[in-house]
Amino acid sequence: MATKKINYGTNGNNSIEKTAKGGDKINTQNCNDRISTELWMEHFANALLKENAIDERTHRKLMVKITQEVNRRFSQK
């Protein structure tokens, strides 16, 4: 039976370090801190509002829930 060598290198979409067009390495590892989490959640809420997927009232409610969730998530640390 033929065996196949498996490449366990850090290349492809799942690797943490990517190479930019300029050749520099970019660290794409997620930051798990309060500020970046809240910014990402607010970014998506704003994108929903911009694309008219939600109205202003729902957007305000969503922003309050985002703040509550971030506070709940990071108050234990």
PDB file of N, CA and C in Angstrom:
ATOM      1  N   MET A   1       0.843  -1.168   0.000  1.00  0.00           N
ATOM      2  CA  MET A   1       0.000   0.000   0.000  1.00  0.00           C
ATOM      3  C   MET A   1       0.893   1.237   0.000  1.00  0.00           C
ATOM      4  N   ALA A   2       0.563   2.163  -0.849  1.00  0.00           N
ATOM      5  CA  ALA A   2       1.358   3.398  -0.967  1.00  0.00           C
ATOM      6  C   ALA A   2       1.015   4.354   0.169  1.00  0.00           C
ATOM      7  N   THR A   3       2.029   4.995   0.679  1.00  0.00           N
ATOM      8  CA  THR A   3       1.800   5.990   1.727  1.00  0.00           C
ATOM      9  C   THR A   3       2.019   7.381   1.160  1.00  0.00           C
ATOM     10  N   LYS A   4       1.359   8.324   1.753  1.00  0.00           N
ATOM     11  CA  LYS A   4       1.435   9.697   1.287  1.00  0.00           C
ATOM     12  C   LYS A   4       1.962  10.574   2.418  1.00  0.00           C
ATOM     13  N   LYS A   5       2.957  11.386   2.109  1.00  0.00           N
ATOM     14  CA  LYS A   5       3.516  12.273   3.111  1.00  0.00           C
ATOM     15  C   LYS A   5       2.560  13.456   3.308  1.00  0.00           C
ATOM     16  N   ILE A   6       2.228  13.719   4.558  1.00  0.00           N
ATOM     17  CA  ILE A   6       1.315  14.807   4.884  1.00  0.00           C
ATOM     18  C   ILE A   6       2.132  16.023   5.285  1.00  0.00           C
ATOM     19  N   ASN A   7       1.843  17.150   4.674  1.00  0.00           N
ATOM     20  CA  ASN A   7       2.544  18.394   4.962  1.00  0.00           C
ATOM     21  C   ASN A   7       1.804  19.122   6.079  1.00  0.00           C
ATOM     22  N   TYR A   8       2.461  19.278   7.226  1.00  0.00           N
ATOM     23  CA  TYR A   8       1.869  19.959   8.363  1.00  0.00           C
ATOM     24  C   TYR A   8       2.368  21.393   8.491  1.00  0.00           C
ATOM     25  N   GLY A   9       2.820  21.988   7.430  1.00  0.00           N
ATOM     26  CA  GLY A   9       3.336  23.358   7.462  1.00  0.00           C
ATOM     27  C   GLY A   9       2.240  24.363   7.753  1.00  0.00           C
ATOM     28  N   THR A  10       2.644  25.602   7.979  1.00  0.00           N
ATOM     29  CA  THR A  10       1.685  26.656   8.306  1.00  0.00           C
ATOM     30  C   THR A  10       1.359  27.480   7.071  1.00  0.00           C
ATOM     31  N   ASN A  11       1.065  26.802   5.980  1.00  0.00           N
ATOM     32  CA  ASN A  11       0.685  27.539   4.791  1.00  0.00           C
ATOM     33  C   ASN A  11      -0.789  27.303   4.519  1.00  0.00           C
ATOM     34  N   GLY A  12      -1.392  28.218   3.794  1.00  0.00           N
ATOM     35  CA  GLY A  12      -2.814  28.110   3.503  1.00  0.00           C
ATOM     36  C   GLY A  12      -3.630  29.093   4.319  1.00  0.00           C
ATOM     37  N   ASN A  13      -4.919  28.954   4.266  1.00  0.00           N
ATOM     38  CA  ASN A  13      -5.817  29.905   4.898  1.00  0.00           C
ATOM     39  C   ASN A  13      -5.871  29.794   6.410  1.00  0.00           C
ATOM     40  N   ASN A  14      -5.457  28.695   6.981  1.00  0.00           N
ATOM     41  CA  ASN A  14      -5.551  28.520   8.419  1.00  0.00           C
ATOM     42  C   ASN A  14      -4.312  28.982   9.173  1.00  0.00           C
ATOM     43  N   SER A  15      -3.305  29.415   8.464  1.00  0.00           N
ATOM     44  CA  SER A  15      -2.097  29.843   9.165  1.00  0.00           C
ATOM     45  C   SER A  15      -2.301  31.215   9.773  1.00  0.00           C
ATOM     46  N   ILE A  16      -1.582  31.492  10.825  1.00  0.00           N
ATOM     47  CA  ILE A  16      -1.695  32.770  11.525  1.00  0.00           C
ATOM     48  C   ILE A  16      -0.966  33.855  10.767  1.00  0.00           C
ATOM     49  N   GLU A  17       0.182  33.546  10.230  1.00  0.00           N
ATOM     50  CA  GLU A  17       0.964  34.564   9.539  1.00  0.00           C
ATOM     51  C   GLU A  17       0.748  34.476   8.041  1.00  0.00           C
ATOM     52  N   LYS A  18       0.413  35.596   7.451  1.00  0.00           N
ATOM     53  CA  LYS A  18       0.204  35.690   6.011  1.00  0.00           C
ATOM     54  C   LYS A  18       1.275  36.613   5.442  1.00  0.00           C
ATOM     55  N   THR A  19       1.534  36.471   4.170  1.00  0.00           N
ATOM     56  CA  THR A  19       2.493  37.344   3.515  1.00  0.00           C
ATOM     57  C   THR A  19       1.733  38.361   2.680  1.00  0.00           C
ATOM     58  N   ALA A  20       2.012  39.627   2.930  1.00  0.00           N
ATOM     59  CA  ALA A  20       1.383  40.688   2.157  1.00  0.00           C
ATOM     60  C   ALA A  20       2.067  40.796   0.809  1.00  0.00           C
ATOM     61  N   LYS A  21       1.478  41.573  -0.078  1.00  0.00           N
ATOM     62  CA  LYS A  21       2.071  41.736  -1.401  1.00  0.00           C
ATOM     63  C   LYS A  21       3.458  42.341  -1.311  1.00  0.00           C
ATOM     64  N   GLY A  22       3.704  43.153  -0.306  1.00  0.00           N
ATOM     65  CA  GLY A  22       5.014  43.764  -0.129  1.00  0.00           C
ATOM     66  C   GLY A  22       6.028  42.809   0.453  1.00  0.00           C
ATOM     67  N   GLY A  23       5.598  41.638   0.893  1.00  0.00           N
ATOM     68  CA  GLY A  23       6.518  40.653   1.425  1.00  0.00           C
ATOM     69  C   GLY A  23       6.596  40.628   2.936  1.00  0.00           C
ATOM     70  N   ASP A  24       5.987  41.607   3.616  1.00  0.00           N
ATOM     71  CA  ASP A  24       6.018  41.619   5.077  1.00  0.00           C
ATOM     72  C   ASP A  24       4.996  40.631   5.622  1.00  0.00           C
ATOM     73  N   LYS A  25       5.281  40.121   6.820  1.00  0.00           N
ATOM     74  CA  LYS A  25       4.364  39.191   7.462  1.00  0.00           C
ATOM     75  C   LYS A  25       3.281  39.976   8.197  1.00  0.00           C
ATOM     76  N   ILE A  26       2.053  39.485   8.118  1.00  0.00           N
ATOM     77  CA  ILE A  26       0.926  40.082   8.811  1.00  0.00           C
ATOM     78  C   ILE A  26       0.396  39.040   9.782  1.00  0.00           C
ATOM     79  N   ASN A  27       0.297  39.380  11.050  1.00  0.00           N
ATOM     80  CA  ASN A  27      -0.246  38.471  12.047  1.00  0.00           C
ATOM     81  C   ASN A  27      -1.762  38.600  12.037  1.00  0.00           C
ATOM     82  N   THR A  28      -2.456  37.533  11.631  1.00  0.00           N
ATOM     83  CA  THR A  28      -3.905  37.563  11.531  1.00  0.00           C
ATOM     84  C   THR A  28      -4.578  36.859  12.701  1.00  0.00           C
ATOM     85  N   GLN A  29      -3.838  36.611  13.756  1.00  0.00           N
ATOM     86  CA  GLN A  29      -4.421  35.954  14.920  1.00  0.00           C
ATOM     87  C   GLN A  29      -5.412  36.904  15.580  1.00  0.00           C
ATOM     88  N   ASN A  30      -6.560  36.371  15.967  1.00  0.00           N
ATOM     89  CA  ASN A  30      -7.602  37.206  16.561  1.00  0.00           C
ATOM     90  C   ASN A  30      -7.170  37.736  17.914  1.00  0.00           C
ATOM     91  N   CYS A  31      -7.519  38.990  18.169  1.00  0.00           N
ATOM     92  CA  CYS A  31      -7.302  39.588  19.482  1.00  0.00           C
ATOM     93  C   CYS A  31      -8.568  39.367  20.286  1.00  0.00           C
ATOM     94  N   ASN A  32      -8.413  38.794  21.441  1.00  0.00           N
ATOM     95  CA  ASN A  32      -9.583  38.515  22.265  1.00  0.00           C
ATOM     96  C   ASN A  32      -9.582  39.462  23.455  1.00  0.00           C
ATOM     97  N   ASP A  33      -9.776  40.742  23.183  1.00  0.00           N
ATOM     98  CA  ASP A  33      -9.862  41.705  24.263  1.00  0.00           C
ATOM     99  C   ASP A  33     -11.156  42.487  24.144  1.00  0.00           C
ATOM    100  N   ARG A  34     -11.453  43.263  25.151  1.00  0.00           N
ATOM    101  CA  ARG A  34     -12.714  43.978  25.266  1.00  0.00           C
ATOM    102  C   ARG A  34     -12.934  44.952  24.105  1.00  0.00           C
ATOM    103  N   ILE A  35     -11.927  45.744  23.798  1.00  0.00           N
ATOM    104  CA  ILE A  35     -12.088  46.798  22.798  1.00  0.00           C
ATOM    105  C   ILE A  35     -12.315  46.212  21.407  1.00  0.00           C
ATOM    106  N   SER A  36     -11.494  45.262  21.005  1.00  0.00           N
ATOM    107  CA  SER A  36     -11.643  44.712  19.655  1.00  0.00           C
ATOM    108  C   SER A  36     -12.945  43.943  19.505  1.00  0.00           C
ATOM    109  N   THR A  37     -13.384  43.249  20.550  1.00  0.00           N
ATOM    110  CA  THR A  37     -14.650  42.530  20.491  1.00  0.00           C
ATOM    111  C   THR A  37     -15.809  43.500  20.295  1.00  0.00           C
ATOM    112  N   GLU A  38     -15.811  44.572  21.081  1.00  0.00           N
ATOM    113  CA  GLU A  38     -16.891  45.547  20.976  1.00  0.00           C
ATOM    114  C   GLU A  38     -16.872  46.253  19.616  1.00  0.00           C
ATOM    115  N   LEU A  39     -15.682  46.578  19.133  1.00  0.00           N
ATOM    116  CA  LEU A  39     -15.585  47.245  17.834  1.00  0.00           C
ATOM    117  C   LEU A  39     -16.116  46.363  16.701  1.00  0.00           C
ATOM    118  N   TRP A  40     -15.785  45.065  16.724  1.00  0.00           N
ATOM    119  CA  TRP A  40     -16.268  44.165  15.682  1.00  0.00           C
ATOM    120  C   TRP A  40     -17.778  44.030  15.732  1.00  0.00           C
ATOM    121  N   MET A  41     -18.328  43.886  16.930  1.00  0.00           N
ATOM    122  CA  MET A  41     -19.776  43.748  17.055  1.00  0.00           C
ATOM    123  C   MET A  41     -20.488  45.014  16.579  1.00  0.00           C
ATOM    124  N   GLU A  42     -19.950  46.179  16.946  1.00  0.00           N
ATOM    125  CA  GLU A  42     -20.545  47.437  16.512  1.00  0.00           C
ATOM    126  C   GLU A  42     -20.402  47.619  15.005  1.00  0.00           C
ATOM    127  N   HIS A  43     -19.297  47.163  14.459  1.00  0.00           N
ATOM    128  CA  HIS A  43     -19.087  47.240  13.008  1.00  0.00           C
ATOM    129  C   HIS A  43     -20.202  46.508  12.259  1.00  0.00           C
ATOM    130  N   PHE A  44     -20.531  45.306  12.707  1.00  0.00           N
ATOM    131  CA  PHE A  44     -21.566  44.537  12.031  1.00  0.00           C
ATOM    132  C   PHE A  44     -22.952  45.138  12.244  1.00  0.00           C
ATOM    133  N   ALA A  45     -23.200  45.703  13.421  1.00  0.00           N
ATOM    134  CA  ALA A  45     -24.479  46.375  13.655  1.00  0.00           C
ATOM    135  C   ALA A  45     -24.613  47.588  12.734  1.00  0.00           C
ATOM    136  N   ASN A  46     -23.532  48.341  12.575  1.00  0.00           N
ATOM    137  CA  ASN A  46     -23.552  49.505  11.686  1.00  0.00           C
ATOM    138  C   ASN A  46     -23.713  49.092  10.229  1.00  0.00           C
ATOM    139  N   ALA A  47     -23.121  47.962   9.853  1.00  0.00           N
ATOM    140  CA  ALA A  47     -23.266  47.468   8.483  1.00  0.00           C
ATOM    141  C   ALA A  47     -24.716  47.070   8.206  1.00  0.00           C
ATOM    142  N   LEU A  48     -25.369  46.463   9.183  1.00  0.00           N
ATOM    143  CA  LEU A  48     -26.783  46.116   9.021  1.00  0.00           C
ATOM    144  C   LEU A  48     -27.635  47.367   8.844  1.00  0.00           C
ATOM    145  N   LEU A  49     -27.328  48.400   9.616  1.00  0.00           N
ATOM    146  CA  LEU A  49     -28.079  49.646   9.497  1.00  0.00           C
ATOM    147  C   LEU A  49     -27.833  50.304   8.145  1.00  0.00           C
ATOM    148  N   LYS A  50     -26.587  50.318   7.722  1.00  0.00           N
ATOM    149  CA  LYS A  50     -26.239  50.954   6.453  1.00  0.00           C
ATOM    150  C   LYS A  50     -26.925  50.276   5.267  1.00  0.00           C
ATOM    151  N   GLU A  51     -27.071  48.969   5.324  1.00  0.00           N
ATOM    152  CA  GLU A  51     -27.705  48.220   4.240  1.00  0.00           C
ATOM    153  C   GLU A  51     -29.222  48.129   4.403  1.00  0.00           C
ATOM    154  N   ASN A  52     -29.764  48.887   5.353  1.00  0.00           N
ATOM    155  CA  ASN A  52     -31.210  48.926   5.614  1.00  0.00           C
ATOM    156  C   ASN A  52     -31.785  47.561   5.971  1.00  0.00           C
ATOM    157  N   ALA A  53     -30.979  46.722   6.600  1.00  0.00           N
ATOM    158  CA  ALA A  53     -31.468  45.429   7.067  1.00  0.00           C
ATOM    159  C   ALA A  53     -32.211  45.591   8.398  1.00  0.00           C
ATOM    160  N   ILE A  54     -31.864  46.626   9.155  1.00  0.00           N
ATOM    161  CA  ILE A  54     -32.549  46.945  10.410  1.00  0.00           C
ATOM    162  C   ILE A  54     -32.846  48.437  10.420  1.00  0.00           C
ATOM    163  N   ASP A  55     -33.829  48.838  11.247  1.00  0.00           N
ATOM    164  CA  ASP A  55     -34.161  50.257  11.348  1.00  0.00           C
ATOM    165  C   ASP A  55     -33.401  50.895  12.516  1.00  0.00           C
ATOM    166  N   GLU A  56     -33.559  52.216  12.682  1.00  0.00           N
ATOM    167  CA  GLU A  56     -32.830  52.955  13.717  1.00  0.00           C
ATOM    168  C   GLU A  56     -33.144  52.439  15.122  1.00  0.00           C
ATOM    169  N   ARG A  57     -34.413  52.153  15.371  1.00  0.00           N
ATOM    170  CA  ARG A  57     -34.821  51.684  16.701  1.00  0.00           C
ATOM    171  C   ARG A  57     -34.154  50.353  17.036  1.00  0.00           C
ATOM    172  N   THR A  58     -34.174  49.438  16.094  1.00  0.00           N
ATOM    173  CA  THR A  58     -33.539  48.139  16.294  1.00  0.00           C
ATOM    174  C   THR A  58     -32.031  48.296  16.448  1.00  0.00           C
ATOM    175  N   HIS A  59     -31.434  49.219  15.703  1.00  0.00           N
ATOM    176  CA  HIS A  59     -29.998  49.481  15.802  1.00  0.00           C
ATOM    177  C   HIS A  59     -29.630  49.957  17.204  1.00  0.00           C
ATOM    178  N   ARG A  60     -30.416  50.878  17.755  1.00  0.00           N
ATOM    179  CA  ARG A  60     -30.145  51.362  19.116  1.00  0.00           C
ATOM    180  C   ARG A  60     -30.247  50.230  20.132  1.00  0.00           C
ATOM    181  N   LYS A  61     -31.275  49.377  19.987  1.00  0.00           N
ATOM    182  CA  LYS A  61     -31.426  48.229  20.883  1.00  0.00           C
ATOM    183  C   LYS A  61     -30.238  47.282  20.762  1.00  0.00           C
ATOM    184  N   LEU A  62     -29.799  47.058  19.526  1.00  0.00           N
ATOM    185  CA  LEU A  62     -28.668  46.164  19.283  1.00  0.00           C
ATOM    186  C   LEU A  62     -27.390  46.718  19.906  1.00  0.00           C
ATOM    187  N   MET A  63     -27.176  48.022  19.808  1.00  0.00           N
ATOM    188  CA  MET A  63     -25.975  48.629  20.404  1.00  0.00           C
ATOM    189  C   MET A  63     -25.977  48.479  21.928  1.00  0.00           C
ATOM    190  N   VAL A  64     -27.140  48.611  22.547  1.00  0.00           N
ATOM    191  CA  VAL A  64     -27.249  48.414  23.999  1.00  0.00           C
ATOM    192  C   VAL A  64     -26.937  46.963  24.343  1.00  0.00           C
ATOM    193  N   LYS A  65     -27.475  46.031  23.572  1.00  0.00           N
ATOM    194  CA  LYS A  65     -27.212  44.604  23.823  1.00  0.00           C
ATOM    195  C   LYS A  65     -25.738  44.253  23.617  1.00  0.00           C
ATOM    196  N   ILE A  66     -25.106  44.892  22.662  1.00  0.00           N
ATOM    197  CA  ILE A  66     -23.679  44.665  22.440  1.00  0.00           C
ATOM    198  C   ILE A  66     -22.888  45.098  23.653  1.00  0.00           C
ATOM    199  N   THR A  67     -23.189  46.279  24.176  1.00  0.00           N
ATOM    200  CA  THR A  67     -22.494  46.774  25.368  1.00  0.00           C
ATOM    201  C   THR A  67     -22.719  45.837  26.548  1.00  0.00           C
ATOM    202  N   GLN A  68     -23.952  45.375  26.737  1.00  0.00           N
ATOM    203  CA  GLN A  68     -24.256  44.453  27.826  1.00  0.00           C
ATOM    204  C   GLN A  68     -23.494  43.137  27.667  1.00  0.00           C
ATOM    205  N   GLU A  69     -23.456  42.612  26.460  1.00  0.00           N
ATOM    206  CA  GLU A  69     -22.774  41.340  26.212  1.00  0.00           C
ATOM    207  C   GLU A  69     -21.271  41.461  26.443  1.00  0.00           C
ATOM    208  N   VAL A  70     -20.669  42.552  25.969  1.00  0.00           N
ATOM    209  CA  VAL A  70     -19.235  42.754  26.168  1.00  0.00           C
ATOM    210  C   VAL A  70     -18.937  42.898  27.660  1.00  0.00           C
ATOM    211  N   ASN A  71     -19.759  43.638  28.371  1.00  0.00           N
ATOM    212  CA  ASN A  71     -19.568  43.786  29.811  1.00  0.00           C
ATOM    213  C   ASN A  71     -19.692  42.455  30.524  1.00  0.00           C
ATOM    214  N   ARG A  72     -20.683  41.640  30.119  1.00  0.00           N
ATOM    215  CA  ARG A  72     -20.856  40.334  30.733  1.00  0.00           C
ATOM    216  C   ARG A  72     -19.672  39.424  30.444  1.00  0.00           C
ATOM    217  N   ARG A  73     -19.217  39.452  29.191  1.00  0.00           N
ATOM    218  CA  ARG A  73     -18.131  38.569  28.768  1.00  0.00           C
ATOM    219  C   ARG A  73     -16.812  38.896  29.456  1.00  0.00           C
ATOM    220  N   PHE A  74     -16.528  40.166  29.635  1.00  0.00           N
ATOM    221  CA  PHE A  74     -15.211  40.556  30.143  1.00  0.00           C
ATOM    222  C   PHE A  74     -15.223  40.998  31.597  1.00  0.00           C
ATOM    223  N   SER A  75     -16.353  40.936  32.274  1.00  0.00           N
ATOM    224  CA  SER A  75     -16.367  41.304  33.685  1.00  0.00           C
ATOM    225  C   SER A  75     -15.774  40.219  34.572  1.00  0.00           C
ATOM    226  N   GLN A  76     -15.723  38.991  34.067  1.00  0.00           N
ATOM    227  CA  GLN A  76     -15.219  37.868  34.846  1.00  0.00           C
ATOM    228  C   GLN A  76     -13.706  37.794  34.827  1.00  0.00           C
ATOM    229  N   LYS A  77     -13.051  38.544  33.962  1.00  0.00           N
ATOM    230  CA  LYS A  77     -11.590  38.425  33.815  1.00  0.00           C
ATOM    231  C   LYS A  77     -10.877  39.344  34.753  1.00  0.00           C
TER     232      LYS A  77
END
